[in-house]
PDB file of N, CA and C in Angstrom:
ATOM      1  N   MET A   1     -92.291  33.340 -27.973  1.00  0.00           N
ATOM      2  CA  MET A   1     -92.558  32.543 -26.795  1.00  0.00           C
ATOM      3  C   MET A   1     -92.432  31.055 -27.166  1.00  0.00           C
ATOM      4  N   PRO A   2     -91.569  30.306 -26.457  1.00  0.00           N
ATOM      5  CA  PRO A   2     -91.352  28.904 -26.803  1.00  0.00           C
ATOM      6  C   PRO A   2     -92.573  28.044 -26.444  1.00  0.00           C
ATOM      7  N   LYS A   3     -92.791  27.025 -27.291  1.00  0.00           N
ATOM      8  CA  LYS A   3     -93.884  26.099 -27.028  1.00  0.00           C
ATOM      9  C   LYS A   3     -93.479  25.154 -25.903  1.00  0.00           C
ATOM     10  N   VAL A   4     -94.381  24.937 -24.974  1.00  0.00           N
ATOM     11  CA  VAL A   4     -94.133  24.001 -23.885  1.00  0.00           C
ATOM     12  C   VAL A   4     -94.893  22.724 -24.202  1.00  0.00           C
ATOM     13  N   LYS A   5     -94.163  21.621 -24.262  1.00  0.00           N
ATOM     14  CA  LYS A   5     -94.801  20.350 -24.581  1.00  0.00           C
ATOM     15  C   LYS A   5     -95.559  19.844 -23.357  1.00  0.00           C
ATOM     16  N   LYS A   6     -96.810  19.488 -23.571  1.00  0.00           N
ATOM     17  CA  LYS A   6     -97.647  18.994 -22.485  1.00  0.00           C
ATOM     18  C   LYS A   6     -97.310  17.532 -22.201  1.00  0.00           C
ATOM     19  N   ILE A   7     -97.099  17.199 -20.933  1.00  0.00           N
ATOM     20  CA  ILE A   7     -96.768  15.843 -20.531  1.00  0.00           C
ATOM     21  C   ILE A   7     -98.063  15.139 -20.131  1.00  0.00           C
ATOM     22  N   PRO A   8     -98.392  14.002 -20.772  1.00  0.00           N
ATOM     23  CA  PRO A   8     -99.636  13.314 -20.444  1.00  0.00           C
ATOM     24  C   PRO A   8     -99.624  12.768 -19.019  1.00  0.00           C
ATOM     25  N   GLN A   9    -100.746  12.872 -18.340  1.00  0.00           N
ATOM     26  CA  GLN A   9    -100.908  12.394 -16.978  1.00  0.00           C
ATOM     27  C   GLN A   9    -101.869  11.211 -16.972  1.00  0.00           C
ATOM     28  N   ARG A  10    -101.602  10.224 -16.106  1.00  0.00           N
ATOM     29  CA  ARG A  10    -102.488   9.081 -15.936  1.00  0.00           C
ATOM     30  C   ARG A  10    -102.630   8.817 -14.435  1.00  0.00           C
ATOM     31  N   GLN A  11    -103.718   8.119 -14.079  1.00  0.00           N
ATOM     32  CA  GLN A  11    -103.985   7.828 -12.677  1.00  0.00           C
ATOM     33  C   GLN A  11    -103.657   6.372 -12.370  1.00  0.00           C
ATOM     34  N   CYS A  12    -102.938   6.152 -11.287  1.00  0.00           N
ATOM     35  CA  CYS A  12    -102.615   4.810 -10.828  1.00  0.00           C
ATOM     36  C   CYS A  12    -103.888   4.168 -10.275  1.00  0.00           C
ATOM     37  N   VAL A  13    -104.174   2.918 -10.671  1.00  0.00           N
ATOM     38  CA  VAL A  13    -105.378   2.259 -10.182  1.00  0.00           C
ATOM     39  C   VAL A  13    -105.221   1.805  -8.729  1.00  0.00           C
ATOM     40  N   GLY A  14    -103.991   1.763  -8.224  1.00  0.00           N
ATOM     41  CA  GLY A  14    -103.759   1.347  -6.844  1.00  0.00           C
ATOM     42  C   GLY A  14    -103.912   2.485  -5.855  1.00  0.00           C
ATOM     43  N   CYS A  15    -103.088   3.523  -6.006  1.00  0.00           N
ATOM     44  CA  CYS A  15    -103.086   4.634  -5.044  1.00  0.00           C
ATOM     45  C   CYS A  15    -103.930   5.816  -5.501  1.00  0.00           C
ATOM     46  N   ARG A  16    -104.414   5.786  -6.756  1.00  0.00           N
ATOM     47  CA  ARG A  16    -105.304   6.807  -7.306  1.00  0.00           C
ATOM     48  C   ARG A  16    -104.660   8.191  -7.428  1.00  0.00           C
ATOM     49  N   THR A  17    -103.332   8.259  -7.527  1.00  0.00           N
ATOM     50  CA  THR A  17    -102.661   9.544  -7.710  1.00  0.00           C
ATOM     51  C   THR A  17    -102.334   9.759  -9.181  1.00  0.00           C
ATOM     52  N   MET A  18    -102.338  11.007  -9.611  1.00  0.00           N
ATOM     53  CA  MET A  18    -102.003  11.370 -10.986  1.00  0.00           C
ATOM     54  C   MET A  18    -100.485  11.514 -11.090  1.00  0.00           C
ATOM     55  N   ARG A  19     -99.909  10.859 -12.092  1.00  0.00           N
ATOM     56  CA  ARG A  19     -98.473  10.945 -12.331  1.00  0.00           C
ATOM     57  C   ARG A  19     -98.235  11.028 -13.824  1.00  0.00           C
ATOM     58  N   ASP A  20     -97.006  11.360 -14.198  1.00  0.00           N
ATOM     59  CA  ASP A  20     -96.638  11.370 -15.608  1.00  0.00           C
ATOM     60  C   ASP A  20     -96.793   9.958 -16.178  1.00  0.00           C
ATOM     61  N   LYS A  21     -97.263   9.882 -17.396  1.00  0.00           N
ATOM     62  CA  LYS A  21     -97.522   8.598 -18.051  1.00  0.00           C
ATOM     63  C   LYS A  21     -96.275   7.725 -18.081  1.00  0.00           C
ATOM     64  N   ARG A  22     -95.122   8.318 -18.323  1.00  0.00           N
ATOM     65  CA  ARG A  22     -93.879   7.553 -18.433  1.00  0.00           C
ATOM     66  C   ARG A  22     -93.413   6.969 -17.096  1.00  0.00           C
ATOM     67  N   GLU A  23     -93.911   7.486 -15.986  1.00  0.00           N
ATOM     68  CA  GLU A  23     -93.523   6.982 -14.671  1.00  0.00           C
ATOM     69  C   GLU A  23     -94.302   5.730 -14.285  1.00  0.00           C
ATOM     70  N   LEU A  24     -95.378   5.427 -15.003  1.00  0.00           N
ATOM     71  CA  LEU A  24     -96.265   4.331 -14.637  1.00  0.00           C
ATOM     72  C   LEU A  24     -96.068   3.118 -15.538  1.00  0.00           C
ATOM     73  N   LEU A  25     -96.476   1.957 -15.050  1.00  0.00           N
ATOM     74  CA  LEU A  25     -96.466   0.731 -15.843  1.00  0.00           C
ATOM     75  C   LEU A  25     -97.861   0.540 -16.439  1.00  0.00           C
ATOM     76  N   ARG A  26     -97.931   0.176 -17.715  1.00  0.00           N
ATOM     77  CA  ARG A  26     -99.223  -0.019 -18.373  1.00  0.00           C
ATOM     78  C   ARG A  26     -99.499  -1.505 -18.526  1.00  0.00           C
ATOM     79  N   VAL A  27    -100.699  -1.887 -18.121  1.00  0.00           N
ATOM     80  CA  VAL A  27    -101.193  -3.244 -18.320  1.00  0.00           C
ATOM     81  C   VAL A  27    -102.303  -3.125 -19.350  1.00  0.00           C
ATOM     82  N   VAL A  28    -102.295  -3.991 -20.372  1.00  0.00           N
ATOM     83  CA  VAL A  28    -103.258  -3.864 -21.457  1.00  0.00           C
ATOM     84  C   VAL A  28    -103.998  -5.182 -21.677  1.00  0.00           C
ATOM     85  N   ARG A  29    -105.291  -5.069 -21.980  1.00  0.00           N
ATOM     86  CA  ARG A  29    -106.090  -6.214 -22.436  1.00  0.00           C
ATOM     87  C   ARG A  29    -106.238  -6.046 -23.933  1.00  0.00           C
ATOM     88  N   THR A  30    -105.639  -6.944 -24.690  1.00  0.00           N
ATOM     89  CA  THR A  30    -105.659  -6.843 -26.144  1.00  0.00           C
ATOM     90  C   THR A  30    -107.054  -7.162 -26.674  1.00  0.00           C
ATOM     91  N   PRO A  31    -107.334  -6.802 -27.922  1.00  0.00           N
ATOM     92  CA  PRO A  31    -108.636  -7.148 -28.510  1.00  0.00           C
ATOM     93  C   PRO A  31    -108.908  -8.663 -28.519  1.00  0.00           C
ATOM     94  N   GLU A  32    -107.857  -9.481 -28.470  1.00  0.00           N
ATOM     95  CA  GLU A  32    -108.026 -10.932 -28.419  1.00  0.00           C
ATOM     96  C   GLU A  32    -108.324 -11.420 -27.008  1.00  0.00           C
ATOM     97  N   GLY A  33    -108.233 -10.529 -25.999  1.00  0.00           N
ATOM     98  CA  GLY A  33    -108.532 -10.892 -24.619  1.00  0.00           C
ATOM     99  C   GLY A  33    -107.318 -11.252 -23.789  1.00  0.00           C
ATOM    100  N   GLU A  34    -106.126 -11.125 -24.345  1.00  0.00           N
ATOM    101  CA  GLU A  34    -104.897 -11.456 -23.627  1.00  0.00           C
ATOM    102  C   GLU A  34    -104.489 -10.288 -22.726  1.00  0.00           C
ATOM    103  N   ILE A  35    -104.048 -10.585 -21.510  1.00  0.00           N
ATOM    104  CA  ILE A  35    -103.569  -9.567 -20.566  1.00  0.00           C
ATOM    105  C   ILE A  35    -102.049  -9.592 -20.600  1.00  0.00           C
ATOM    106  N   MET A  36    -101.436  -8.405 -20.830  1.00  0.00           N
ATOM    107  CA  MET A  36     -99.974  -8.350 -20.878  1.00  0.00           C
ATOM    108  C   MET A  36     -99.468  -6.984 -20.432  1.00  0.00           C
ATOM    109  N   LEU A  37     -98.182  -6.955 -20.123  1.00  0.00           N
ATOM    110  CA  LEU A  37     -97.525  -5.692 -19.806  1.00  0.00           C
ATOM    111  C   LEU A  37     -97.184  -4.995 -21.110  1.00  0.00           C
ATOM    112  N   ASP A  38     -97.330  -3.682 -21.122  1.00  0.00           N
ATOM    113  CA  ASP A  38     -97.058  -2.905 -22.327  1.00  0.00           C
ATOM    114  C   ASP A  38     -95.914  -1.948 -22.029  1.00  0.00           C
ATOM    115  N   ALA A  39     -94.715  -2.352 -22.395  1.00  0.00           N
ATOM    116  CA  ALA A  39     -93.536  -1.529 -22.131  1.00  0.00           C
ATOM    117  C   ALA A  39     -93.512  -0.277 -23.006  1.00  0.00           C
ATOM    118  N   THR A  40     -94.054  -0.367 -24.220  1.00  0.00           N
ATOM    119  CA  THR A  40     -94.018   0.768 -25.137  1.00  0.00           C
ATOM    120  C   THR A  40     -95.132   1.770 -24.874  1.00  0.00           C
ATOM    121  N   GLY A  41     -96.239   1.305 -24.302  1.00  0.00           N
ATOM    122  CA  GLY A  41     -97.376   2.190 -24.070  1.00  0.00           C
ATOM    123  C   GLY A  41     -98.196   2.425 -25.317  1.00  0.00           C
ATOM    124  N   LYS A  42     -97.967   1.625 -26.366  1.00  0.00           N
ATOM    125  CA  LYS A  42     -98.645   1.858 -27.640  1.00  0.00           C
ATOM    126  C   LYS A  42     -99.427   0.659 -28.159  1.00  0.00           C
ATOM    127  N   LYS A  43     -99.482  -0.437 -27.392  1.00  0.00           N
ATOM    128  CA  LYS A  43    -100.230  -1.592 -27.867  1.00  0.00           C
ATOM    129  C   LYS A  43    -101.710  -1.269 -27.907  1.00  0.00           C
ATOM    130  N   SER A  44    -102.411  -1.865 -28.864  1.00  0.00           N
ATOM    131  CA  SER A  44    -103.836  -1.595 -28.955  1.00  0.00           C
ATOM    132  C   SER A  44    -104.571  -2.418 -27.901  1.00  0.00           C
ATOM    133  N   GLY A  45    -105.637  -1.857 -27.407  1.00  0.00           N
ATOM    134  CA  GLY A  45    -106.444  -2.521 -26.397  1.00  0.00           C
ATOM    135  C   GLY A  45    -106.741  -1.591 -25.243  1.00  0.00           C
ATOM    136  N   ARG A  46    -107.430  -2.120 -24.248  1.00  0.00           N
ATOM    137  CA  ARG A  46    -107.814  -1.343 -23.079  1.00  0.00           C
ATOM    138  C   ARG A  46    -106.667  -1.377 -22.079  1.00  0.00           C
ATOM    139  N   GLY A  47    -106.248  -0.213 -21.610  1.00  0.00           N
ATOM    140  CA  GLY A  47    -105.097  -0.135 -20.722  1.00  0.00           C
ATOM    141  C   GLY A  47    -105.433   0.419 -19.354  1.00  0.00           C
ATOM    142  N   ALA A  48    -104.596   0.076 -18.389  1.00  0.00           N
ATOM    143  CA  ALA A  48    -104.679   0.605 -17.030  1.00  0.00           C
ATOM    144  C   ALA A  48    -103.251   0.827 -16.551  1.00  0.00           C
ATOM    145  N   TYR A  49    -103.075   1.760 -15.660  1.00  0.00           N
ATOM    146  CA  TYR A  49    -101.739   2.146 -15.215  1.00  0.00           C
ATOM    147  C   TYR A  49    -101.566   1.889 -13.724  1.00  0.00           C
ATOM    148  N   VAL A  50    -100.340   1.454 -13.360  1.00  0.00           N
ATOM    149  CA  VAL A  50     -99.987   1.182 -11.967  1.00  0.00           C
ATOM    150  C   VAL A  50     -98.625   1.792 -11.697  1.00  0.00           C
ATOM    151  N   CYS A  51     -98.457   2.387 -10.510  1.00  0.00           N
ATOM    152  CA  CYS A  51     -97.157   2.911 -10.095  1.00  0.00           C
ATOM    153  C   CYS A  51     -96.154   1.753  -9.994  1.00  0.00           C
ATOM    154  N   PRO A  52     -94.889   2.009 -10.242  1.00  0.00           N
ATOM    155  CA  PRO A  52     -93.883   0.948 -10.093  1.00  0.00           C
ATOM    156  C   PRO A  52     -93.530   0.744  -8.616  1.00  0.00           C
ATOM    157  N   ASP A  53     -94.543   0.561  -7.791  1.00  0.00           N
ATOM    158  CA  ASP A  53     -94.394   0.412  -6.349  1.00  0.00           C
ATOM    159  C   ASP A  53     -95.196  -0.818  -5.917  1.00  0.00           C
ATOM    160  N   PRO A  54     -94.576  -1.781  -5.249  1.00  0.00           N
ATOM    161  CA  PRO A  54     -95.295  -2.997  -4.860  1.00  0.00           C
ATOM    162  C   PRO A  54     -96.530  -2.738  -3.990  1.00  0.00           C
ATOM    163  N   THR A  55     -96.519  -1.695  -3.178  1.00  0.00           N
ATOM    164  CA  THR A  55     -97.697  -1.426  -2.346  1.00  0.00           C
ATOM    165  C   THR A  55     -98.888  -0.997  -3.192  1.00  0.00           C
ATOM    166  N   CYS A  56     -98.652  -0.255  -4.273  1.00  0.00           N
ATOM    167  CA  CYS A  56     -99.741   0.136  -5.174  1.00  0.00           C
ATOM    168  C   CYS A  56    -100.313  -1.083  -5.876  1.00  0.00           C
ATOM    169  N   LEU A  57     -99.449  -2.006  -6.262  1.00  0.00           N
ATOM    170  CA  LEU A  57     -99.914  -3.223  -6.912  1.00  0.00           C
ATOM    171  C   LEU A  57    -100.759  -4.050  -5.945  1.00  0.00           C
ATOM    172  N   GLN A  58    -100.337  -4.118  -4.690  1.00  0.00           N
ATOM    173  CA  GLN A  58    -101.111  -4.861  -3.694  1.00  0.00           C
ATOM    174  C   GLN A  58    -102.479  -4.215  -3.459  1.00  0.00           C
ATOM    175  N   LYS A  59    -102.517  -2.884  -3.413  1.00  0.00           N
ATOM    176  CA  LYS A  59    -103.797  -2.180  -3.256  1.00  0.00           C
ATOM    177  C   LYS A  59    -104.713  -2.457  -4.439  1.00  0.00           C
ATOM    178  N   ALA A  60    -104.157  -2.410  -5.652  1.00  0.00           N
ATOM    179  CA  ALA A  60    -104.951  -2.658  -6.854  1.00  0.00           C
ATOM    180  C   ALA A  60    -105.477  -4.089  -6.877  1.00  0.00           C
ATOM    181  N   ARG A  61    -104.665  -5.025  -6.409  1.00  0.00           N
ATOM    182  CA  ARG A  61    -105.095  -6.430  -6.389  1.00  0.00           C
ATOM    183  C   ARG A  61    -106.170  -6.653  -5.330  1.00  0.00           C
ATOM    184  N   LYS A  62    -105.968  -6.085  -4.150  1.00  0.00           N
ATOM    185  CA  LYS A  62    -106.918  -6.280  -3.056  1.00  0.00           C
ATOM    186  C   LYS A  62    -108.279  -5.664  -3.375  1.00  0.00           C
ATOM    187  N   SER A  63    -108.277  -4.480  -3.970  1.00  0.00           N
ATOM    188  CA  SER A  63    -109.535  -3.798  -4.281  1.00  0.00           C
ATOM    189  C   SER A  63    -110.103  -4.207  -5.643  1.00  0.00           C
ATOM    190  N   ARG A  64    -109.382  -5.081  -6.371  1.00  0.00           N
ATOM    191  CA  ARG A  64    -109.787  -5.546  -7.700  1.00  0.00           C
ATOM    192  C   ARG A  64    -109.911  -4.392  -8.696  1.00  0.00           C
ATOM    193  N   ALA A  65    -109.160  -3.322  -8.465  1.00  0.00           N
ATOM    194  CA  ALA A  65    -109.223  -2.140  -9.325  1.00  0.00           C
ATOM    195  C   ALA A  65    -108.683  -2.434 -10.720  1.00  0.00           C
ATOM    196  N   LEU A  66    -107.660  -3.240 -10.818  1.00  0.00           N
ATOM    197  CA  LEU A  66    -107.093  -3.581 -12.125  1.00  0.00           C
ATOM    198  C   LEU A  66    -108.089  -4.420 -12.937  1.00  0.00           C
ATOM    199  N   SER A  67    -108.767  -5.333 -12.269  1.00  0.00           N
ATOM    200  CA  SER A  67    -109.783  -6.144 -12.950  1.00  0.00           C
ATOM    201  C   SER A  67    -110.928  -5.277 -13.455  1.00  0.00           C
ATOM    202  N   ARG A  68    -111.353  -4.321 -12.651  1.00  0.00           N
ATOM    203  CA  ARG A  68    -112.435  -3.415 -13.068  1.00  0.00           C
ATOM    204  C   ARG A  68    -112.000  -2.528 -14.218  1.00  0.00           C
ATOM    205  N   ALA A  69    -110.786  -2.023 -14.157  1.00  0.00           N
ATOM    206  CA  ALA A  69    -110.300  -1.122 -15.203  1.00  0.00           C
ATOM    207  C   ALA A  69    -110.186  -1.837 -16.547  1.00  0.00           C
ATOM    208  N   LEU A  70    -109.767  -3.094 -16.516  1.00  0.00           N
ATOM    209  CA  LEU A  70    -109.602  -3.844 -17.764  1.00  0.00           C
ATOM    210  C   LEU A  70    -110.856  -4.636 -18.128  1.00  0.00           C
ATOM    211  N   GLU A  71    -111.845  -4.599 -17.272  1.00  0.00           N
ATOM    212  CA  GLU A  71    -113.131  -5.277 -17.491  1.00  0.00           C
ATOM    213  C   GLU A  71    -112.974  -6.771 -17.728  1.00  0.00           C
ATOM    214  N   THR A  72    -112.075  -7.411 -16.980  1.00  0.00           N
ATOM    215  CA  THR A  72    -111.861  -8.856 -17.061  1.00  0.00           C
ATOM    216  C   THR A  72    -111.116  -9.311 -15.804  1.00  0.00           C
ATOM    217  N   GLU A  73    -111.119 -10.607 -15.552  1.00  0.00           N
ATOM    218  CA  GLU A  73    -110.360 -11.151 -14.422  1.00  0.00           C
ATOM    219  C   GLU A  73    -108.879 -11.175 -14.775  1.00  0.00           C
ATOM    220  N   ILE A  74    -108.050 -10.844 -13.802  1.00  0.00           N
ATOM    221  CA  ILE A  74    -106.600 -10.807 -14.011  1.00  0.00           C
ATOM    222  C   ILE A  74    -105.994 -12.083 -13.424  1.00  0.00           C
ATOM    223  N   PRO A  75    -105.287 -12.882 -14.242  1.00  0.00           N
ATOM    224  CA  PRO A  75    -104.653 -14.100 -13.711  1.00  0.00           C
ATOM    225  C   PRO A  75    -103.473 -13.771 -12.793  1.00  0.00           C
ATOM    226  N   ASP A  76    -103.149 -14.720 -11.929  1.00  0.00           N
ATOM    227  CA  ASP A  76    -102.043 -14.533 -10.988  1.00  0.00           C
ATOM    228  C   ASP A  76    -100.712 -14.331 -11.706  1.00  0.00           C
ATOM    229  N   GLU A  77    -100.574 -14.898 -12.915  1.00  0.00           N
ATOM    230  CA  GLU A  77     -99.322 -14.761 -13.666  1.00  0.00           C
ATOM    231  C   GLU A  77     -99.045 -13.298 -14.016  1.00  0.00           C
ATOM    232  N   VAL A  78    -100.100 -12.532 -14.294  1.00  0.00           N
ATOM    233  CA  VAL A  78     -99.919 -11.114 -14.636  1.00  0.00           C
ATOM    234  C   VAL A  78     -99.438 -10.341 -13.408  1.00  0.00           C
ATOM    235  N   TYR A  79    -100.033 -10.641 -12.257  1.00  0.00           N
ATOM    236  CA  TYR A  79     -99.566  -9.986 -11.030  1.00  0.00           C
ATOM    237  C   TYR A  79     -98.119 -10.370 -10.726  1.00  0.00           C
ATOM    238  N   ALA A  80     -97.755 -11.623 -10.979  1.00  0.00           N
ATOM    239  CA  ALA A  80     -96.372 -12.062 -10.756  1.00  0.00           C
ATOM    240  C   ALA A  80     -95.426 -11.351 -11.718  1.00  0.00           C
ATOM    241  N   ALA A  81     -95.841 -11.195 -12.978  1.00  0.00           N
ATOM    242  CA  ALA A  81     -95.003 -10.499 -13.962  1.00  0.00           C
ATOM    243  C   ALA A  81     -94.836  -9.029 -13.600  1.00  0.00           C
ATOM    244  N   LEU A  82     -95.907  -8.387 -13.128  1.00  0.00           N
ATOM    245  CA  LEU A  82     -95.808  -6.993 -12.696  1.00  0.00           C
ATOM    246  C   LEU A  82     -94.846  -6.860 -11.517  1.00  0.00           C
ATOM    247  N   SER A  83     -94.955  -7.761 -10.544  1.00  0.00           N
ATOM    248  CA  SER A  83     -94.058  -7.726  -9.394  1.00  0.00           C
ATOM    249  C   SER A  83     -92.602  -7.909  -9.828  1.00  0.00           C
ATOM    250  N   ALA A  84     -92.368  -8.831 -10.760  1.00  0.00           N
ATOM    251  CA  ALA A  84     -91.014  -9.074 -11.237  1.00  0.00           C
ATOM    252  C   ALA A  84     -90.458  -7.862 -11.959  1.00  0.00           C
ATOM    253  N   GLN A  85     -91.297  -7.198 -12.764  1.00  0.00           N
ATOM    254  CA  GLN A  85     -90.828  -6.009 -13.483  1.00  0.00           C
ATOM    255  C   GLN A  85     -90.507  -4.871 -12.507  1.00  0.00           C
ATOM    256  N   MET A  86     -91.327  -4.739 -11.469  1.00  0.00           N
ATOM    257  CA  MET A  86     -91.070  -3.706 -10.457  1.00  0.00           C
ATOM    258  C   MET A  86     -89.755  -3.977  -9.741  1.00  0.00           C
ATOM    259  N   ALA A  87     -89.478  -5.236  -9.451  1.00  0.00           N
ATOM    260  CA  ALA A  87     -88.236  -5.603  -8.762  1.00  0.00           C
ATOM    261  C   ALA A  87     -87.012  -5.292  -9.637  1.00  0.00           C
ATOM    262  N   ARG A  88     -87.149  -5.473 -10.963  1.00  0.00           N
ATOM    263  CA  ARG A  88     -86.045  -5.178 -11.880  1.00  0.00           C
ATOM    264  C   ARG A  88     -85.773  -3.685 -11.980  1.00  0.00           C
ATOM    265  N   GLU A  89     -86.829  -2.872 -11.901  1.00  0.00           N
ATOM    266  CA  GLU A  89     -86.660  -1.436 -12.070  1.00  0.00           C
ATOM    267  C   GLU A  89     -86.078  -0.756 -10.849  1.00  0.00           C
ATOM    268  N   VAL A  90     -86.275  -1.347  -9.688  1.00  0.00           N
ATOM    269  CA  VAL A  90     -85.791  -0.719  -8.446  1.00  0.00           C
ATOM    270  C   VAL A  90     -84.397  -1.095  -8.150  1.00  0.00           C
TER     271      VAL A  90
END
């Protein structure tokens, strides 16, 4: 019987749906306190995931879900960078 590789699932902080980890964008707060996008998904620090959909990002921003998940305030530059990355992927 062949082994089936388990695909990790994560929840979007905007729409709260479970999706494959690779389908989501990861935002990480590094141990130094810097907020950045994590393209590799392997940077150390506290991470949160958002769907690559502008409406999910708007929901996360309005409800402050991303700030709660990362336990810090999120600067406008991070939201702008997330929006720009979403625009590039679509």
